[in-house]
Amino acid sequence: MADIKKIATRDSYGNALKELGAVVSDLVVLDADLAGATKTSVFQKAFPERHFDAGIAEANMCSEEFVQKYQMRGDDNQVLVMMECRQR
């Protein structure tokens, strides 16, 4: 049986985003001031022009306006967001 290396889900997420970013040139990542915690910083270091931080305004990041404001050029952009949007 092969040795299994356990790593945190957030580390896997950051690494997977970086790998996807190398293959999918129009992939962008939106973040809400959590690049360190969610490890989207891995993607940010590799593709700074495709990483957008909304600051601590998570609710604003859920809005269509934010996505449109920071959308990359082209019609087929893909956006991955690791966050939770809740209504109170």
N, C-alpha and C. Protein backbone atom coordinates (compact mmCIF):
# COMPACT_ATOMS: atom_id res chain seq x y z
N MET A 1 0.84 -1.18 0.00
CA MET A 1 0.00 0.00 0.00
C MET A 1 0.88 1.24 0.00
N ALA A 2 0.55 2.17 -0.84
CA ALA A 2 1.32 3.41 -0.94
C ALA A 2 1.09 4.28 0.27
N ASP A 3 2.12 5.03 0.62
CA ASP A 3 1.98 5.97 1.73
C ASP A 3 1.05 7.10 1.30
N ILE A 4 0.15 7.44 2.18
CA ILE A 4 -0.79 8.51 1.90
C ILE A 4 -0.37 9.74 2.69
N LYS A 5 -0.16 10.81 1.98
CA LYS A 5 0.22 12.06 2.63
C LYS A 5 -1.05 12.87 2.88
N LYS A 6 -1.31 13.15 4.14
CA LYS A 6 -2.48 13.94 4.49
C LYS A 6 -2.11 15.41 4.46
N ILE A 7 -2.91 16.18 3.71
CA ILE A 7 -2.73 17.63 3.71
C ILE A 7 -4.09 18.28 3.91
N ALA A 8 -4.07 19.48 4.40
CA ALA A 8 -5.31 20.20 4.68
C ALA A 8 -6.08 20.45 3.38
N THR A 9 -7.40 20.42 3.48
CA THR A 9 -8.25 20.68 2.32
C THR A 9 -7.92 22.02 1.70
N ARG A 10 -7.69 23.03 2.52
CA ARG A 10 -7.40 24.36 1.97
C ARG A 10 -6.10 24.38 1.19
N ASP A 11 -5.11 23.59 1.61
CA ASP A 11 -3.87 23.50 0.83
C ASP A 11 -4.13 22.84 -0.52
N SER A 12 -4.93 21.78 -0.51
CA SER A 12 -5.30 21.11 -1.76
C SER A 12 -6.04 22.07 -2.69
N TYR A 13 -6.93 22.88 -2.10
CA TYR A 13 -7.71 23.85 -2.87
C TYR A 13 -6.79 24.85 -3.55
N GLY A 14 -5.87 25.42 -2.80
CA GLY A 14 -4.94 26.39 -3.37
C GLY A 14 -4.08 25.80 -4.48
N ASN A 15 -3.57 24.59 -4.24
CA ASN A 15 -2.74 23.92 -5.25
C ASN A 15 -3.55 23.57 -6.49
N ALA A 16 -4.80 23.11 -6.28
CA ALA A 16 -5.65 22.77 -7.42
C ALA A 16 -5.97 24.00 -8.26
N LEU A 17 -6.22 25.14 -7.60
CA LEU A 17 -6.47 26.38 -8.34
C LEU A 17 -5.27 26.76 -9.20
N LYS A 18 -4.08 26.62 -8.63
CA LYS A 18 -2.87 26.94 -9.39
C LYS A 18 -2.72 26.02 -10.60
N GLU A 19 -2.97 24.73 -10.39
CA GLU A 19 -2.88 23.78 -11.50
C GLU A 19 -3.93 24.09 -12.57
N LEU A 20 -5.15 24.39 -12.15
CA LEU A 20 -6.20 24.75 -13.11
C LEU A 20 -5.86 26.04 -13.85
N GLY A 21 -5.30 27.00 -13.13
CA GLY A 21 -4.93 28.27 -13.74
C GLY A 21 -3.91 28.11 -14.86
N ALA A 22 -3.06 27.11 -14.73
CA ALA A 22 -2.06 26.86 -15.78
C ALA A 22 -2.70 26.28 -17.03
N VAL A 23 -3.82 25.60 -16.87
CA VAL A 23 -4.50 24.95 -17.99
C VAL A 23 -5.63 25.80 -18.55
N VAL A 24 -6.35 26.48 -17.68
CA VAL A 24 -7.50 27.30 -18.06
C VAL A 24 -7.09 28.76 -17.98
N SER A 25 -6.74 29.34 -19.11
CA SER A 25 -6.16 30.69 -19.11
C SER A 25 -7.14 31.79 -18.75
N ASP A 26 -8.45 31.51 -18.79
CA ASP A 26 -9.42 32.55 -18.45
C ASP A 26 -10.04 32.32 -17.07
N LEU A 27 -9.42 31.46 -16.26
CA LEU A 27 -9.88 31.24 -14.90
C LEU A 27 -9.48 32.41 -14.03
N VAL A 28 -10.43 32.95 -13.29
CA VAL A 28 -10.13 34.01 -12.32
C VAL A 28 -10.63 33.56 -10.95
N VAL A 29 -10.04 34.10 -9.90
CA VAL A 29 -10.42 33.77 -8.54
C VAL A 29 -10.78 35.06 -7.81
N LEU A 30 -11.94 35.05 -7.20
CA LEU A 30 -12.38 36.17 -6.37
C LEU A 30 -12.17 35.77 -4.92
N ASP A 31 -11.73 36.70 -4.12
CA ASP A 31 -11.43 36.41 -2.73
C ASP A 31 -12.01 37.51 -1.85
N ALA A 32 -12.26 37.19 -0.60
CA ALA A 32 -12.82 38.16 0.34
C ALA A 32 -11.88 38.31 1.53
N ASP A 33 -10.67 38.77 1.25
CA ASP A 33 -9.67 39.03 2.29
C ASP A 33 -9.28 37.77 3.05
N LEU A 34 -9.34 36.62 2.37
CA LEU A 34 -9.01 35.36 3.02
C LEU A 34 -8.00 34.54 2.23
N ALA A 35 -7.18 35.19 1.44
CA ALA A 35 -6.23 34.48 0.58
C ALA A 35 -5.30 33.57 1.37
N GLY A 36 -4.91 34.00 2.56
CA GLY A 36 -4.05 33.17 3.39
C GLY A 36 -4.78 31.98 3.97
N ALA A 37 -5.98 32.22 4.46
CA ALA A 37 -6.77 31.16 5.10
C ALA A 37 -7.28 30.13 4.11
N THR A 38 -7.70 30.57 2.95
CA THR A 38 -8.25 29.63 1.95
C THR A 38 -7.19 29.14 0.97
N LYS A 39 -6.00 29.68 1.10
CA LYS A 39 -4.86 29.33 0.25
C LYS A 39 -5.05 29.71 -1.22
N THR A 40 -5.94 30.64 -1.48
CA THR A 40 -6.02 31.18 -2.84
C THR A 40 -4.77 32.02 -3.13
N SER A 41 -3.98 32.29 -2.09
CA SER A 41 -2.72 33.01 -2.27
C SER A 41 -1.76 32.24 -3.17
N VAL A 42 -1.90 30.92 -3.21
CA VAL A 42 -1.07 30.10 -4.11
C VAL A 42 -1.37 30.48 -5.55
N PHE A 43 -2.66 30.60 -5.87
CA PHE A 43 -3.08 31.03 -7.21
C PHE A 43 -2.64 32.48 -7.45
N GLN A 44 -2.83 33.32 -6.43
CA GLN A 44 -2.50 34.75 -6.54
C GLN A 44 -1.02 34.95 -6.89
N LYS A 45 -0.15 34.18 -6.28
CA LYS A 45 1.29 34.32 -6.56
C LYS A 45 1.61 33.92 -7.99
N ALA A 46 0.93 32.90 -8.49
CA ALA A 46 1.18 32.42 -9.85
C ALA A 46 0.51 33.29 -10.91
N PHE A 47 -0.68 33.81 -10.61
CA PHE A 47 -1.47 34.56 -11.59
C PHE A 47 -2.06 35.83 -10.94
N PRO A 48 -1.23 36.78 -10.56
CA PRO A 48 -1.75 37.96 -9.84
C PRO A 48 -2.77 38.77 -10.63
N GLU A 49 -2.68 38.74 -11.94
CA GLU A 49 -3.61 39.51 -12.77
C GLU A 49 -4.99 38.86 -12.84
N ARG A 50 -5.10 37.63 -12.35
CA ARG A 50 -6.38 36.92 -12.39
C ARG A 50 -6.95 36.65 -10.99
N HIS A 51 -6.41 37.30 -10.00
CA HIS A 51 -6.89 37.14 -8.62
C HIS A 51 -7.42 38.50 -8.16
N PHE A 52 -8.67 38.52 -7.69
CA PHE A 52 -9.31 39.76 -7.28
C PHE A 52 -9.78 39.64 -5.83
N ASP A 53 -9.43 40.62 -5.02
CA ASP A 53 -9.77 40.61 -3.61
C ASP A 53 -10.82 41.68 -3.34
N ALA A 54 -11.95 41.28 -2.78
CA ALA A 54 -13.03 42.21 -2.47
C ALA A 54 -12.88 42.80 -1.08
N GLY A 55 -11.80 42.47 -0.39
CA GLY A 55 -11.65 42.93 0.98
C GLY A 55 -12.60 42.18 1.88
N ILE A 56 -12.97 42.79 2.99
CA ILE A 56 -13.83 42.09 3.94
C ILE A 56 -15.30 42.22 3.59
N ALA A 57 -15.58 42.60 2.37
CA ALA A 57 -16.96 42.80 1.91
C ALA A 57 -17.46 41.57 1.18
N GLU A 58 -17.62 40.46 1.90
CA GLU A 58 -18.05 39.21 1.28
C GLU A 58 -19.38 39.34 0.56
N ALA A 59 -20.30 40.08 1.16
CA ALA A 59 -21.62 40.24 0.54
C ALA A 59 -21.50 40.94 -0.81
N ASN A 60 -20.60 41.90 -0.91
CA ASN A 60 -20.40 42.59 -2.19
C ASN A 60 -19.86 41.64 -3.25
N MET A 61 -19.05 40.69 -2.82
CA MET A 61 -18.47 39.76 -3.77
C MET A 61 -19.52 38.83 -4.36
N CYS A 62 -20.62 38.65 -3.66
CA CYS A 62 -21.71 37.81 -4.17
C CYS A 62 -22.51 38.53 -5.25
N SER A 63 -22.31 39.82 -5.38
CA SER A 63 -23.14 40.59 -6.30
C SER A 63 -22.65 40.46 -7.74
N GLU A 64 -23.59 40.53 -8.64
CA GLU A 64 -23.26 40.49 -10.07
C GLU A 64 -22.41 41.68 -10.46
N GLU A 65 -22.63 42.81 -9.80
CA GLU A 65 -21.87 44.02 -10.09
C GLU A 65 -20.37 43.81 -9.86
N PHE A 66 -20.02 43.15 -8.76
CA PHE A 66 -18.61 42.90 -8.48
C PHE A 66 -17.99 42.00 -9.54
N VAL A 67 -18.70 40.94 -9.88
CA VAL A 67 -18.19 40.01 -10.89
C VAL A 67 -17.99 40.73 -12.21
N GLN A 68 -18.94 41.55 -12.60
CA GLN A 68 -18.83 42.28 -13.87
C GLN A 68 -17.69 43.29 -13.80
N LYS A 69 -17.52 43.94 -12.67
CA LYS A 69 -16.48 44.96 -12.53
C LYS A 69 -15.08 44.36 -12.71
N TYR A 70 -14.89 43.15 -12.18
CA TYR A 70 -13.57 42.54 -12.23
C TYR A 70 -13.46 41.40 -13.24
N GLN A 71 -14.44 41.27 -14.08
CA GLN A 71 -14.43 40.19 -15.07
C GLN A 71 -13.29 40.40 -16.06
N MET A 72 -12.64 39.31 -16.39
CA MET A 72 -11.58 39.37 -17.38
C MET A 72 -12.20 39.57 -18.76
N ARG A 73 -11.41 39.98 -19.73
CA ARG A 73 -11.92 40.16 -21.08
C ARG A 73 -12.28 38.81 -21.69
N GLY A 74 -13.35 38.80 -22.46
CA GLY A 74 -13.82 37.58 -23.09
C GLY A 74 -15.16 37.16 -22.50
N ASP A 75 -15.85 36.32 -23.21
CA ASP A 75 -17.20 35.92 -22.81
C ASP A 75 -17.25 34.65 -21.98
N ASP A 76 -16.20 33.86 -21.98
CA ASP A 76 -16.26 32.54 -21.38
C ASP A 76 -15.45 32.43 -20.09
N ASN A 77 -15.42 33.48 -19.31
CA ASN A 77 -14.66 33.44 -18.06
C ASN A 77 -15.27 32.47 -17.07
N GLN A 78 -14.41 31.82 -16.33
CA GLN A 78 -14.85 30.91 -15.28
C GLN A 78 -14.41 31.49 -13.94
N VAL A 79 -15.30 31.52 -12.99
CA VAL A 79 -15.00 32.10 -11.69
C VAL A 79 -15.21 31.05 -10.61
N LEU A 80 -14.20 30.84 -9.78
CA LEU A 80 -14.33 29.96 -8.63
C LEU A 80 -14.26 30.82 -7.38
N VAL A 81 -15.18 30.60 -6.49
CA VAL A 81 -15.22 31.37 -5.26
C VAL A 81 -15.35 30.41 -4.09
N MET A 82 -14.43 30.52 -3.15
CA MET A 82 -14.54 29.73 -1.93
C MET A 82 -14.98 30.66 -0.83
N MET A 83 -16.25 30.63 -0.55
CA MET A 83 -16.81 31.52 0.46
C MET A 83 -18.22 31.07 0.79
N GLU A 84 -18.79 31.70 1.75
CA GLU A 84 -20.14 31.39 2.14
C GLU A 84 -20.94 32.69 2.12
N CYS A 85 -22.05 32.70 1.43
CA CYS A 85 -22.93 33.86 1.38
C CYS A 85 -24.20 33.51 2.16
N ARG A 86 -24.50 34.29 3.15
CA ARG A 86 -25.67 34.02 3.96
C ARG A 86 -26.54 35.26 4.05
N GLN A 87 -27.83 35.02 4.17
CA GLN A 87 -28.75 36.10 4.48
C GLN A 87 -29.04 36.04 5.95
N ARG A 88 -29.16 37.19 6.56
CA ARG A 88 -29.50 37.23 8.00
C ARG A 88 -30.95 37.52 8.15
